[in-house]
Structure formats: C-alpha cells, structure tokens
Amino acid sequence: MMKQWYTLYTKANAEYKVASYLREHGIEVYLPEIRASVQKSTPKQPFFPCYLFAQLDLTDDDPSLWRWTPGLRRLVSYGDWPIPLPSELINVMKHKLAQNNAAAGVAHSFQVGDMVRITEGPFKGMLAIFDGPMTPSKRVRVLLMTLGQYLRLRLDPVNLEVAPPDSTAKPKRRRRTRGHGRRINYRSG
C-alpha cells in the first residue's frame, strides 16, 4: 500500500506539539494555519483547531507511532476504518490558505478611534470612527453616527480613507470677552 493523507484529531491546543513529534519521526505533516487578523504582527493559528493532516502508510508504518503520540486523540475514522483524503484536497487547501494569508498581509494603517470616510457603497462620503479589525475576516468595523445613534458597520478596509482633519473639527465659536467682562469689539470689513 502507499502513503495517503489522513486527518488527525488532537487535544485542545496540542496541534503544534503533535505536528512536531510526527515530523521528528519522519512523517509528513500539514497543519493549516491562518493569520488571526489583518495585522502582520499577529501570530498564525491553526485554521482547524484540534485537527491536522498526516501522510501515513497504515500497513507499513509502526501503528504505535500515531496511536501513542502525545496530544493525539485519534485518526478520524468511519467506524474502525480511518478515512483517507485525496492528495488533491490537501494541495487545494495549501493553495487557498496561501492566497488567504497573502491577502491578509495587506494591512491598513487605521488606528482605533481614527476618523475615516467611507468611499464605496450606500454610505459613500459619510464619516465614521474606526472601531478595529475583525478576526479572522479581512473586514473592519466602523461606527457611523446616524439618527443620533452609532451604527456598527463591517466594511472592507479598501473602502475607507482617512478623513481630512478639517472635516472632523467643530467650527470654533468666537470669543466674546477678553476676560473679567471686557468685551471684544469685532469689526466687519
């Protein structure tokens, strides 16, 4: 028989431990990872918590290797038979996650509390307050003041731009006195 891909079910937060152990013993392992937010500084985390994939030959490999791996619960099976996965599925998954992680690298420069202008969609031209990124999506949250209440919207960051500083400032009221009740006489002209 030849090596096939199988799904491994691990204990919570043991994916990296199991992957490392199996790699040390010469087994090819694929642990799909995704960046938790659009910011590059955030670490990657497992795309399927508690699951990873290993290429095994169940007839030739030592069964104690995957049965007694620390942190591994079992091979995903139907009854007593482990279910093999087509290698094309693993290749497609690798390709799609690589694309997704590359797109997540397109970080925005907005900070929480920044005033932004919406450039596309039904709220085009309106000002909003940047509320932060959403995980694991590439979208962000903004707060839009409408009808005296804040409306929380989810938008793509490419549909936002930094609002000019003058658009957020309230018009200044002219001073009426110089202090101690001395009035200021503004002359027109």
N, C-alpha and C. Protein backbone atom coordinates (compact mmCIF):
# COMPACT_ATOMS: atom_id res chain seq x y z
N MET A 1 0.85 -1.18 0.00
CA MET A 1 0.00 0.00 0.00
C MET A 1 0.89 1.24 0.00
N MET A 2 0.35 2.35 -0.39
CA MET A 2 1.13 3.58 -0.43
C MET A 2 0.64 4.58 0.61
N LYS A 3 1.43 5.63 0.78
CA LYS A 3 1.08 6.63 1.78
C LYS A 3 -0.12 7.44 1.30
N GLN A 4 -1.02 7.72 2.24
CA GLN A 4 -2.19 8.55 1.96
C GLN A 4 -2.32 9.57 3.09
N TRP A 5 -3.08 10.62 2.80
CA TRP A 5 -3.32 11.65 3.81
C TRP A 5 -4.48 11.22 4.70
N TYR A 6 -4.31 11.46 6.01
CA TYR A 6 -5.35 11.17 6.99
C TYR A 6 -5.51 12.39 7.89
N THR A 7 -6.70 12.53 8.44
CA THR A 7 -6.97 13.62 9.37
C THR A 7 -6.74 13.12 10.79
N LEU A 8 -5.98 13.91 11.55
CA LEU A 8 -5.69 13.56 12.94
C LEU A 8 -6.44 14.52 13.86
N TYR A 9 -7.04 13.97 14.90
CA TYR A 9 -7.78 14.76 15.89
C TYR A 9 -6.92 14.83 17.15
N THR A 10 -6.62 16.06 17.60
CA THR A 10 -5.72 16.25 18.74
C THR A 10 -6.47 16.79 19.95
N LYS A 11 -5.77 16.82 21.06
CA LYS A 11 -6.30 17.51 22.23
C LYS A 11 -6.26 19.01 21.95
N ALA A 12 -7.00 19.77 22.75
CA ALA A 12 -7.05 21.22 22.55
C ALA A 12 -5.65 21.82 22.68
N ASN A 13 -5.31 22.68 21.74
CA ASN A 13 -4.04 23.41 21.71
C ASN A 13 -2.82 22.50 21.62
N ALA A 14 -2.97 21.29 21.12
CA ALA A 14 -1.84 20.37 21.00
C ALA A 14 -1.43 20.14 19.55
N GLU A 15 -1.96 20.93 18.62
CA GLU A 15 -1.69 20.71 17.20
C GLU A 15 -0.20 20.81 16.88
N TYR A 16 0.45 21.86 17.40
CA TYR A 16 1.87 22.07 17.10
C TYR A 16 2.74 21.00 17.75
N LYS A 17 2.37 20.57 18.94
CA LYS A 17 3.11 19.52 19.65
C LYS A 17 3.05 18.21 18.86
N VAL A 18 1.87 17.83 18.39
CA VAL A 18 1.69 16.60 17.63
C VAL A 18 2.44 16.70 16.30
N ALA A 19 2.32 17.85 15.61
CA ALA A 19 2.99 18.03 14.33
C ALA A 19 4.50 17.91 14.49
N SER A 20 5.04 18.53 15.51
CA SER A 20 6.48 18.48 15.77
C SER A 20 6.94 17.04 16.05
N TYR A 21 6.20 16.32 16.87
CA TYR A 21 6.55 14.95 17.22
C TYR A 21 6.56 14.05 15.99
N LEU A 22 5.52 14.16 15.16
CA LEU A 22 5.44 13.32 13.97
C LEU A 22 6.52 13.67 12.95
N ARG A 23 6.85 14.95 12.81
CA ARG A 23 7.92 15.35 11.89
C ARG A 23 9.27 14.78 12.35
N GLU A 24 9.49 14.78 13.66
CA GLU A 24 10.73 14.21 14.19
C GLU A 24 10.86 12.73 13.85
N HIS A 25 9.74 12.07 13.67
CA HIS A 25 9.74 10.64 13.34
C HIS A 25 9.58 10.38 11.84
N GLY A 26 9.81 11.41 11.03
CA GLY A 26 9.84 11.24 9.58
C GLY A 26 8.50 11.18 8.88
N ILE A 27 7.44 11.65 9.51
CA ILE A 27 6.12 11.64 8.89
C ILE A 27 5.82 13.03 8.36
N GLU A 28 5.35 13.09 7.10
CA GLU A 28 4.97 14.38 6.52
C GLU A 28 3.65 14.83 7.13
N VAL A 29 3.65 16.08 7.62
CA VAL A 29 2.50 16.63 8.33
C VAL A 29 2.12 17.96 7.69
N TYR A 30 0.83 18.21 7.59
CA TYR A 30 0.33 19.51 7.15
C TYR A 30 -0.60 20.06 8.22
N LEU A 31 -0.20 21.20 8.79
CA LEU A 31 -1.01 21.89 9.78
C LEU A 31 -1.43 23.22 9.17
N PRO A 32 -2.67 23.32 8.64
CA PRO A 32 -3.12 24.58 8.03
C PRO A 32 -3.17 25.69 9.06
N GLU A 33 -2.59 26.84 8.70
CA GLU A 33 -2.56 27.99 9.62
C GLU A 33 -3.13 29.21 8.91
N ILE A 34 -3.66 30.10 9.72
CA ILE A 34 -4.21 31.36 9.21
C ILE A 34 -3.86 32.46 10.18
N ARG A 35 -3.66 33.65 9.64
CA ARG A 35 -3.37 34.81 10.48
C ARG A 35 -4.67 35.26 11.14
N ALA A 36 -4.62 35.52 12.44
CA ALA A 36 -5.83 35.82 13.21
C ALA A 36 -6.45 37.16 12.85
N SER A 37 -5.68 38.11 12.36
CA SER A 37 -6.24 39.40 11.98
C SER A 37 -5.46 39.94 10.80
N VAL A 38 -5.87 41.11 10.31
CA VAL A 38 -5.22 41.69 9.15
C VAL A 38 -3.88 42.30 9.50
N GLN A 39 -3.54 42.41 10.77
CA GLN A 39 -2.26 42.98 11.16
C GLN A 39 -1.18 41.91 11.07
N LYS A 40 -0.02 42.28 10.49
CA LYS A 40 1.06 41.32 10.29
C LYS A 40 1.68 40.87 11.60
N SER A 41 1.55 41.66 12.65
CA SER A 41 2.21 41.33 13.91
C SER A 41 1.52 40.18 14.65
N THR A 42 0.29 39.86 14.28
CA THR A 42 -0.41 38.78 14.98
C THR A 42 0.11 37.43 14.50
N PRO A 43 0.31 36.48 15.42
CA PRO A 43 0.82 35.17 15.02
C PRO A 43 -0.25 34.36 14.30
N LYS A 44 0.22 33.37 13.56
CA LYS A 44 -0.72 32.47 12.89
C LYS A 44 -1.25 31.47 13.91
N GLN A 45 -2.43 30.95 13.62
CA GLN A 45 -3.03 29.94 14.49
C GLN A 45 -3.65 28.87 13.60
N PRO A 46 -3.91 27.68 14.15
CA PRO A 46 -4.48 26.60 13.33
C PRO A 46 -5.82 27.00 12.71
N PHE A 47 -5.97 26.70 11.43
CA PHE A 47 -7.21 27.00 10.71
C PHE A 47 -8.33 26.09 11.19
N PHE A 48 -7.99 24.83 11.46
CA PHE A 48 -8.94 23.86 12.01
C PHE A 48 -8.46 23.50 13.42
N PRO A 49 -8.95 24.18 14.45
CA PRO A 49 -8.49 23.84 15.80
C PRO A 49 -8.70 22.36 16.10
N CYS A 50 -7.70 21.73 16.68
CA CYS A 50 -7.68 20.32 17.07
C CYS A 50 -7.53 19.35 15.90
N TYR A 51 -7.25 19.84 14.70
CA TYR A 51 -7.10 18.94 13.55
C TYR A 51 -5.83 19.29 12.78
N LEU A 52 -5.19 18.25 12.24
CA LEU A 52 -4.10 18.40 11.31
C LEU A 52 -4.09 17.19 10.41
N PHE A 53 -3.22 17.20 9.41
CA PHE A 53 -3.22 16.14 8.40
C PHE A 53 -1.83 15.51 8.35
N ALA A 54 -1.78 14.19 8.20
CA ALA A 54 -0.51 13.48 8.11
C ALA A 54 -0.58 12.46 6.99
N GLN A 55 0.57 12.28 6.32
CA GLN A 55 0.65 11.30 5.24
C GLN A 55 1.23 10.01 5.82
N LEU A 56 0.38 8.98 5.89
CA LEU A 56 0.75 7.72 6.53
C LEU A 56 0.51 6.54 5.60
N ASP A 57 1.28 5.49 5.84
CA ASP A 57 1.02 4.19 5.21
C ASP A 57 0.61 3.28 6.36
N LEU A 58 -0.67 3.02 6.50
CA LEU A 58 -1.17 2.29 7.66
C LEU A 58 -0.70 0.84 7.70
N THR A 59 -0.26 0.31 6.56
CA THR A 59 0.20 -1.08 6.56
C THR A 59 1.68 -1.20 6.91
N ASP A 60 2.49 -0.20 6.55
CA ASP A 60 3.94 -0.28 6.78
C ASP A 60 4.40 0.46 8.03
N ASP A 61 3.83 1.64 8.29
CA ASP A 61 4.27 2.44 9.44
C ASP A 61 3.91 1.75 10.75
N ASP A 62 4.74 2.00 11.75
CA ASP A 62 4.50 1.43 13.08
C ASP A 62 3.24 2.08 13.67
N PRO A 63 2.17 1.32 13.94
CA PRO A 63 0.93 1.92 14.45
C PRO A 63 1.08 2.59 15.81
N SER A 64 2.08 2.16 16.59
CA SER A 64 2.26 2.81 17.90
C SER A 64 2.71 4.25 17.74
N LEU A 65 3.28 4.56 16.57
CA LEU A 65 3.75 5.91 16.32
C LEU A 65 2.61 6.92 16.38
N TRP A 66 1.48 6.62 15.75
CA TRP A 66 0.37 7.58 15.81
C TRP A 66 -0.62 7.24 16.91
N ARG A 67 -0.63 6.04 17.40
CA ARG A 67 -1.54 5.71 18.50
C ARG A 67 -1.09 6.30 19.82
N TRP A 68 0.23 6.40 20.03
CA TRP A 68 0.75 6.86 21.32
C TRP A 68 1.45 8.20 21.23
N THR A 69 1.15 8.96 20.22
CA THR A 69 1.73 10.30 20.08
C THR A 69 1.15 11.21 21.17
N PRO A 70 2.00 11.89 21.94
CA PRO A 70 1.48 12.79 22.98
C PRO A 70 0.61 13.90 22.38
N GLY A 71 -0.58 14.05 22.90
CA GLY A 71 -1.51 15.08 22.44
C GLY A 71 -2.46 14.63 21.35
N LEU A 72 -2.21 13.46 20.74
CA LEU A 72 -3.08 12.97 19.68
C LEU A 72 -4.18 12.10 20.27
N ARG A 73 -5.41 12.39 19.90
CA ARG A 73 -6.54 11.58 20.38
C ARG A 73 -6.78 10.38 19.48
N ARG A 74 -6.92 10.63 18.15
CA ARG A 74 -7.21 9.52 17.25
C ARG A 74 -7.12 9.98 15.81
N LEU A 75 -7.15 9.02 14.90
CA LEU A 75 -7.32 9.30 13.47
C LEU A 75 -8.82 9.41 13.22
N VAL A 76 -9.22 10.34 12.40
CA VAL A 76 -10.64 10.48 12.07
C VAL A 76 -11.03 9.27 11.23
N SER A 77 -12.06 8.56 11.71
CA SER A 77 -12.43 7.27 11.10
C SER A 77 -13.93 7.19 10.89
N TYR A 78 -14.29 6.24 10.06
CA TYR A 78 -15.68 5.85 9.89
C TYR A 78 -15.77 4.43 10.45
N GLY A 79 -16.35 4.33 11.63
CA GLY A 79 -16.33 3.05 12.34
C GLY A 79 -14.91 2.80 12.82
N ASP A 80 -14.32 1.69 12.40
CA ASP A 80 -12.94 1.38 12.76
C ASP A 80 -11.95 1.69 11.64
N TRP A 81 -12.43 2.21 10.53
CA TRP A 81 -11.58 2.43 9.37
C TRP A 81 -11.22 3.91 9.23
N PRO A 82 -9.92 4.26 9.32
CA PRO A 82 -9.51 5.65 9.08
C PRO A 82 -9.86 6.07 7.65
N ILE A 83 -10.29 7.30 7.50
CA ILE A 83 -10.73 7.81 6.19
C ILE A 83 -9.57 8.51 5.50
N PRO A 84 -9.12 7.97 4.35
CA PRO A 84 -8.05 8.66 3.60
C PRO A 84 -8.62 9.86 2.85
N LEU A 85 -7.75 10.86 2.67
CA LEU A 85 -8.13 12.07 1.93
C LEU A 85 -7.36 12.10 0.61
N PRO A 86 -7.97 12.59 -0.45
CA PRO A 86 -7.23 12.72 -1.70
C PRO A 86 -6.13 13.78 -1.56
N SER A 87 -4.98 13.52 -2.15
CA SER A 87 -3.87 14.48 -2.05
C SER A 87 -4.22 15.79 -2.76
N GLU A 88 -5.14 15.75 -3.75
CA GLU A 88 -5.56 16.98 -4.42
C GLU A 88 -6.25 17.92 -3.43
N LEU A 89 -7.00 17.36 -2.50
CA LEU A 89 -7.67 18.18 -1.49
C LEU A 89 -6.65 18.93 -0.62
N ILE A 90 -5.60 18.24 -0.23
CA ILE A 90 -4.54 18.87 0.57
C ILE A 90 -3.86 19.96 -0.24
N ASN A 91 -3.59 19.70 -1.53
CA ASN A 91 -2.94 20.70 -2.39
C ASN A 91 -3.82 21.93 -2.58
N VAL A 92 -5.11 21.73 -2.78
CA VAL A 92 -6.04 22.86 -2.93
C VAL A 92 -6.09 23.67 -1.63
N MET A 93 -6.13 22.97 -0.50
CA MET A 93 -6.17 23.64 0.80
C MET A 93 -4.90 24.48 1.01
N LYS A 94 -3.75 23.93 0.67
CA LYS A 94 -2.48 24.67 0.80
C LYS A 94 -2.50 25.92 -0.07
N HIS A 95 -2.98 25.76 -1.30
CA HIS A 95 -3.02 26.88 -2.24
C HIS A 95 -3.97 27.98 -1.76
N LYS A 96 -5.17 27.60 -1.35
CA LYS A 96 -6.17 28.59 -0.91
C LYS A 96 -5.72 29.32 0.36
N LEU A 97 -5.16 28.59 1.31
CA LEU A 97 -4.70 29.23 2.54
C LEU A 97 -3.51 30.14 2.28
N ALA A 98 -2.64 29.77 1.36
CA ALA A 98 -1.52 30.64 0.99
C ALA A 98 -2.04 31.95 0.39
N GLN A 99 -3.06 31.86 -0.46
CA GLN A 99 -3.67 33.06 -1.04
C GLN A 99 -4.30 33.92 0.06
N ASN A 100 -5.03 33.28 0.96
CA ASN A 100 -5.71 34.00 2.04
C ASN A 100 -4.70 34.69 2.96
N ASN A 101 -3.64 34.00 3.32
CA ASN A 101 -2.63 34.59 4.20
C ASN A 101 -1.88 35.72 3.50
N ALA A 102 -1.68 35.60 2.18
CA ALA A 102 -1.04 36.68 1.43
C ALA A 102 -1.94 37.90 1.40
N ALA A 103 -3.24 37.69 1.22
CA ALA A 103 -4.19 38.81 1.21
C ALA A 103 -4.30 39.45 2.58
N ALA A 104 -4.16 38.64 3.63
CA ALA A 104 -4.23 39.19 4.99
C ALA A 104 -3.05 40.09 5.28
N GLY A 105 -1.97 39.93 4.49
CA GLY A 105 -0.81 40.80 4.68
C GLY A 105 -1.06 42.23 4.23
N VAL A 106 -2.15 42.48 3.49
CA VAL A 106 -2.48 43.83 3.09
C VAL A 106 -3.09 44.53 4.29
N ALA A 107 -2.25 45.11 5.08
CA ALA A 107 -2.71 45.72 6.32
C ALA A 107 -3.13 47.16 6.07
N HIS A 108 -4.06 47.63 6.82
CA HIS A 108 -4.49 49.01 6.74
C HIS A 108 -3.70 49.80 7.78
N SER A 109 -3.75 51.11 7.66
CA SER A 109 -2.98 51.95 8.57
C SER A 109 -3.88 52.66 9.59
N PHE A 110 -5.12 52.25 9.72
CA PHE A 110 -6.05 52.91 10.63
C PHE A 110 -5.81 52.45 12.06
N GLN A 111 -5.99 53.36 12.99
CA GLN A 111 -5.92 53.06 14.42
C GLN A 111 -7.32 53.20 14.99
N VAL A 112 -7.60 52.47 16.07
CA VAL A 112 -8.90 52.56 16.73
C VAL A 112 -9.13 54.02 17.15
N GLY A 113 -10.29 54.56 16.78
CA GLY A 113 -10.63 55.94 17.12
C GLY A 113 -10.38 56.92 15.99
N ASP A 114 -9.70 56.51 14.91
CA ASP A 114 -9.45 57.40 13.77
C ASP A 114 -10.76 57.72 13.06
N MET A 115 -10.86 58.95 12.57
CA MET A 115 -12.00 59.36 11.77
C MET A 115 -11.72 58.96 10.33
N VAL A 116 -12.64 58.22 9.72
CA VAL A 116 -12.47 57.74 8.35
C VAL A 116 -13.68 58.14 7.51
N ARG A 117 -13.46 58.19 6.21
CA ARG A 117 -14.55 58.49 5.27
C ARG A 117 -14.80 57.22 4.46
N ILE A 118 -16.08 56.86 4.29
CA ILE A 118 -16.47 55.68 3.52
C ILE A 118 -16.47 56.08 2.05
N THR A 119 -15.76 55.31 1.20
CA THR A 119 -15.60 55.67 -0.21
C THR A 119 -16.49 54.89 -1.16
N GLU A 120 -17.11 53.80 -0.72
CA GLU A 120 -17.95 52.99 -1.60
C GLU A 120 -19.19 52.53 -0.85
N GLY A 121 -20.24 52.21 -1.59
CA GLY A 121 -21.44 51.62 -1.00
C GLY A 121 -22.50 52.65 -0.66
N PRO A 122 -23.54 52.23 0.05
CA PRO A 122 -24.66 53.12 0.34
C PRO A 122 -24.30 54.26 1.29
N PHE A 123 -23.23 54.13 2.05
CA PHE A 123 -22.83 55.18 2.98
C PHE A 123 -21.66 56.01 2.43
N LYS A 124 -21.47 55.99 1.13
CA LYS A 124 -20.36 56.69 0.49
C LYS A 124 -20.35 58.17 0.89
N GLY A 125 -19.17 58.64 1.28
CA GLY A 125 -19.00 60.04 1.63
C GLY A 125 -19.24 60.35 3.10
N MET A 126 -19.81 59.42 3.84
CA MET A 126 -20.11 59.67 5.25
C MET A 126 -18.88 59.41 6.12
N LEU A 127 -18.81 60.11 7.23
CA LEU A 127 -17.70 59.95 8.17
C LEU A 127 -18.06 58.91 9.22
N ALA A 128 -17.07 58.17 9.67
CA ALA A 128 -17.26 57.15 10.68
C ALA A 128 -16.02 57.08 11.56
N ILE A 129 -16.13 56.40 12.67
CA ILE A 129 -15.00 56.20 13.58
C ILE A 129 -14.53 54.77 13.41
N PHE A 130 -13.22 54.59 13.18
CA PHE A 130 -12.65 53.26 13.01
C PHE A 130 -12.69 52.54 14.36
N ASP A 131 -13.31 51.33 14.37
CA ASP A 131 -13.50 50.57 15.61
C ASP A 131 -12.58 49.38 15.73
N GLY A 132 -11.92 48.97 14.65
CA GLY A 132 -10.94 47.89 14.73
C GLY A 132 -11.17 46.80 13.72
N PRO A 133 -10.15 45.91 13.58
CA PRO A 133 -10.27 44.78 12.65
C PRO A 133 -11.14 43.69 13.23
N MET A 134 -11.66 42.85 12.33
CA MET A 134 -12.46 41.69 12.75
C MET A 134 -11.63 40.45 12.51
N THR A 135 -11.73 39.48 13.38
CA THR A 135 -10.97 38.25 13.20
C THR A 135 -11.92 37.11 12.92
N PRO A 136 -11.59 36.18 12.08
CA PRO A 136 -10.42 36.10 11.22
C PRO A 136 -10.66 36.74 9.85
N SER A 137 -11.72 37.47 9.71
CA SER A 137 -12.08 38.09 8.44
C SER A 137 -11.13 39.22 8.08
N LYS A 138 -11.13 39.61 6.81
CA LYS A 138 -10.33 40.74 6.37
C LYS A 138 -11.10 42.05 6.51
N ARG A 139 -12.30 42.00 7.01
CA ARG A 139 -13.10 43.20 7.15
C ARG A 139 -12.77 43.94 8.44
N VAL A 140 -13.22 45.19 8.52
CA VAL A 140 -13.02 46.00 9.71
C VAL A 140 -14.36 46.56 10.17
N ARG A 141 -14.40 47.01 11.43
CA ARG A 141 -15.62 47.61 11.99
C ARG A 141 -15.44 49.12 12.07
N VAL A 142 -16.50 49.83 11.74
CA VAL A 142 -16.54 51.28 11.92
C VAL A 142 -17.85 51.64 12.61
N LEU A 143 -17.84 52.77 13.29
CA LEU A 143 -19.05 53.29 13.94
C LEU A 143 -19.51 54.50 13.16
N LEU A 144 -20.73 54.45 12.66
CA LEU A 144 -21.30 55.53 11.85
C LEU A 144 -22.39 56.20 12.67
N MET A 145 -22.28 57.53 12.85
CA MET A 145 -23.28 58.28 13.60
C MET A 145 -24.44 58.59 12.67
N THR A 146 -25.60 58.02 12.98
CA THR A 146 -26.79 58.25 12.18
C THR A 146 -28.01 58.30 13.08
N LEU A 147 -28.85 59.26 12.88
CA LEU A 147 -30.07 59.45 13.66
C LEU A 147 -29.79 59.48 15.17
N GLY A 148 -28.69 60.10 15.53
CA GLY A 148 -28.36 60.26 16.95
C GLY A 148 -27.82 59.01 17.62
N GLN A 149 -27.57 57.95 16.86
CA GLN A 149 -27.04 56.71 17.42
C GLN A 149 -25.87 56.23 16.57
N TYR A 150 -25.00 55.45 17.19
CA TYR A 150 -23.89 54.86 16.45
C TYR A 150 -24.33 53.53 15.86
N LEU A 151 -24.10 53.39 14.58
CA LEU A 151 -24.42 52.17 13.86
C LEU A 151 -23.10 51.46 13.56
N ARG A 152 -22.96 50.20 13.98
CA ARG A 152 -21.72 49.45 13.75
C ARG A 152 -21.81 48.78 12.39
N LEU A 153 -20.83 49.09 11.52
CA LEU A 153 -20.79 48.53 10.17
C LEU A 153 -19.54 47.67 10.00
N ARG A 154 -19.64 46.68 9.13
CA ARG A 154 -18.49 45.85 8.76
C ARG A 154 -18.16 46.18 7.32
N LEU A 155 -16.94 46.65 7.08
CA LEU A 155 -16.55 47.08 5.74
C LEU A 155 -15.19 46.51 5.37
N ASP A 156 -14.93 46.49 4.08
CA ASP A 156 -13.61 46.14 3.58
C ASP A 156 -12.73 47.39 3.76
N PRO A 157 -11.50 47.25 4.28
CA PRO A 157 -10.68 48.43 4.53
C PRO A 157 -10.32 49.22 3.27
N VAL A 158 -10.40 48.59 2.08
CA VAL A 158 -10.12 49.34 0.86
C VAL A 158 -11.22 50.36 0.57
N ASN A 159 -12.38 50.25 1.22
CA ASN A 159 -13.47 51.20 1.03
C ASN A 159 -13.44 52.33 2.05
N LEU A 160 -12.29 52.51 2.72
CA LEU A 160 -12.15 53.57 3.70
C LEU A 160 -10.94 54.42 3.37
N GLU A 161 -11.02 55.69 3.74
CA GLU A 161 -9.86 56.58 3.64
C GLU A 161 -9.84 57.46 4.88
N VAL A 162 -8.65 57.96 5.18
CA VAL A 162 -8.53 58.84 6.33
C VAL A 162 -9.29 60.13 6.04
N ALA A 163 -10.12 60.55 6.97
CA ALA A 163 -10.90 61.79 6.79
C ALA A 163 -9.97 62.98 6.98
N PRO A 164 -10.12 64.02 6.14
CA PRO A 164 -9.31 65.22 6.33
C PRO A 164 -9.55 65.82 7.71
N PRO A 165 -8.52 66.39 8.34
CA PRO A 165 -8.69 66.92 9.70
C PRO A 165 -9.76 68.00 9.81
N ASP A 166 -9.94 68.81 8.76
CA ASP A 166 -10.92 69.90 8.85
C ASP A 166 -12.36 69.39 8.85
N SER A 167 -12.60 68.18 8.33
CA SER A 167 -13.97 67.67 8.26
C SER A 167 -14.47 67.18 9.61
N THR A 168 -13.56 66.93 10.55
CA THR A 168 -13.98 66.42 11.85
C THR A 168 -14.05 67.51 12.91
N ALA A 169 -13.44 68.64 12.63
CA ALA A 169 -13.39 69.69 13.64
C ALA A 169 -14.72 70.46 13.69
N LYS A 170 -15.14 70.79 14.87
CA LYS A 170 -16.33 71.62 15.03
C LYS A 170 -15.93 73.07 14.78
N PRO A 171 -16.82 73.88 14.21
CA PRO A 171 -16.47 75.28 14.00
C PRO A 171 -16.27 75.98 15.34
N LYS A 172 -15.19 76.76 15.40
CA LYS A 172 -14.90 77.44 16.66
C LYS A 172 -15.82 78.65 16.82
N ARG A 173 -16.31 78.82 18.03
CA ARG A 173 -17.13 79.98 18.34
C ARG A 173 -16.20 81.13 18.71
N ARG A 174 -16.52 82.31 18.25
CA ARG A 174 -15.69 83.46 18.55
C ARG A 174 -15.80 83.84 20.03
N ARG A 175 -14.69 84.26 20.57
CA ARG A 175 -14.69 84.71 21.96
C ARG A 175 -15.48 86.00 22.07
N ARG A 176 -16.17 86.16 23.17
CA ARG A 176 -16.96 87.38 23.38
C ARG A 176 -16.28 88.37 24.31
N THR A 177 -15.46 87.81 25.19
CA THR A 177 -14.79 88.72 26.14
C THR A 177 -13.31 88.42 26.20
N ARG A 178 -12.54 89.42 26.74
CA ARG A 178 -11.12 89.25 26.95
C ARG A 178 -10.84 88.73 28.34
N GLY A 179 -11.86 88.52 29.10
CA GLY A 179 -11.73 88.12 30.48
C GLY A 179 -12.17 89.26 31.37
N HIS A 180 -12.62 88.96 32.53
CA HIS A 180 -13.11 89.96 33.50
C HIS A 180 -14.19 90.84 32.92
N GLY A 181 -14.99 90.28 31.96
CA GLY A 181 -16.14 91.00 31.44
C GLY A 181 -15.81 92.04 30.39
N ARG A 182 -14.55 92.15 29.97
CA ARG A 182 -14.21 93.15 28.94
C ARG A 182 -14.55 92.57 27.57
N ARG A 183 -15.49 93.19 26.91
CA ARG A 183 -15.98 92.71 25.63
C ARG A 183 -14.98 92.96 24.51
N ILE A 184 -15.01 92.06 23.51
CA ILE A 184 -14.18 92.22 22.32
C ILE A 184 -15.07 92.80 21.23
N ASN A 185 -14.60 93.87 20.60
CA ASN A 185 -15.37 94.53 19.56
C ASN A 185 -14.82 94.07 18.22
N TYR A 186 -15.53 93.10 17.57
CA TYR A 186 -15.13 92.63 16.25
C TYR A 186 -15.75 93.56 15.24
N ARG A 187 -14.94 94.04 14.34
CA ARG A 187 -15.44 94.93 13.30
C ARG A 187 -15.50 94.19 11.99
N SER A 188 -16.55 94.38 11.27
CA SER A 188 -16.69 93.77 9.94
C SER A 188 -15.89 94.59 8.96
N GLY A 189 -15.25 93.90 8.06
CA GLY A 189 -14.65 94.63 6.98
C GLY A 189 -13.25 94.52 6.91
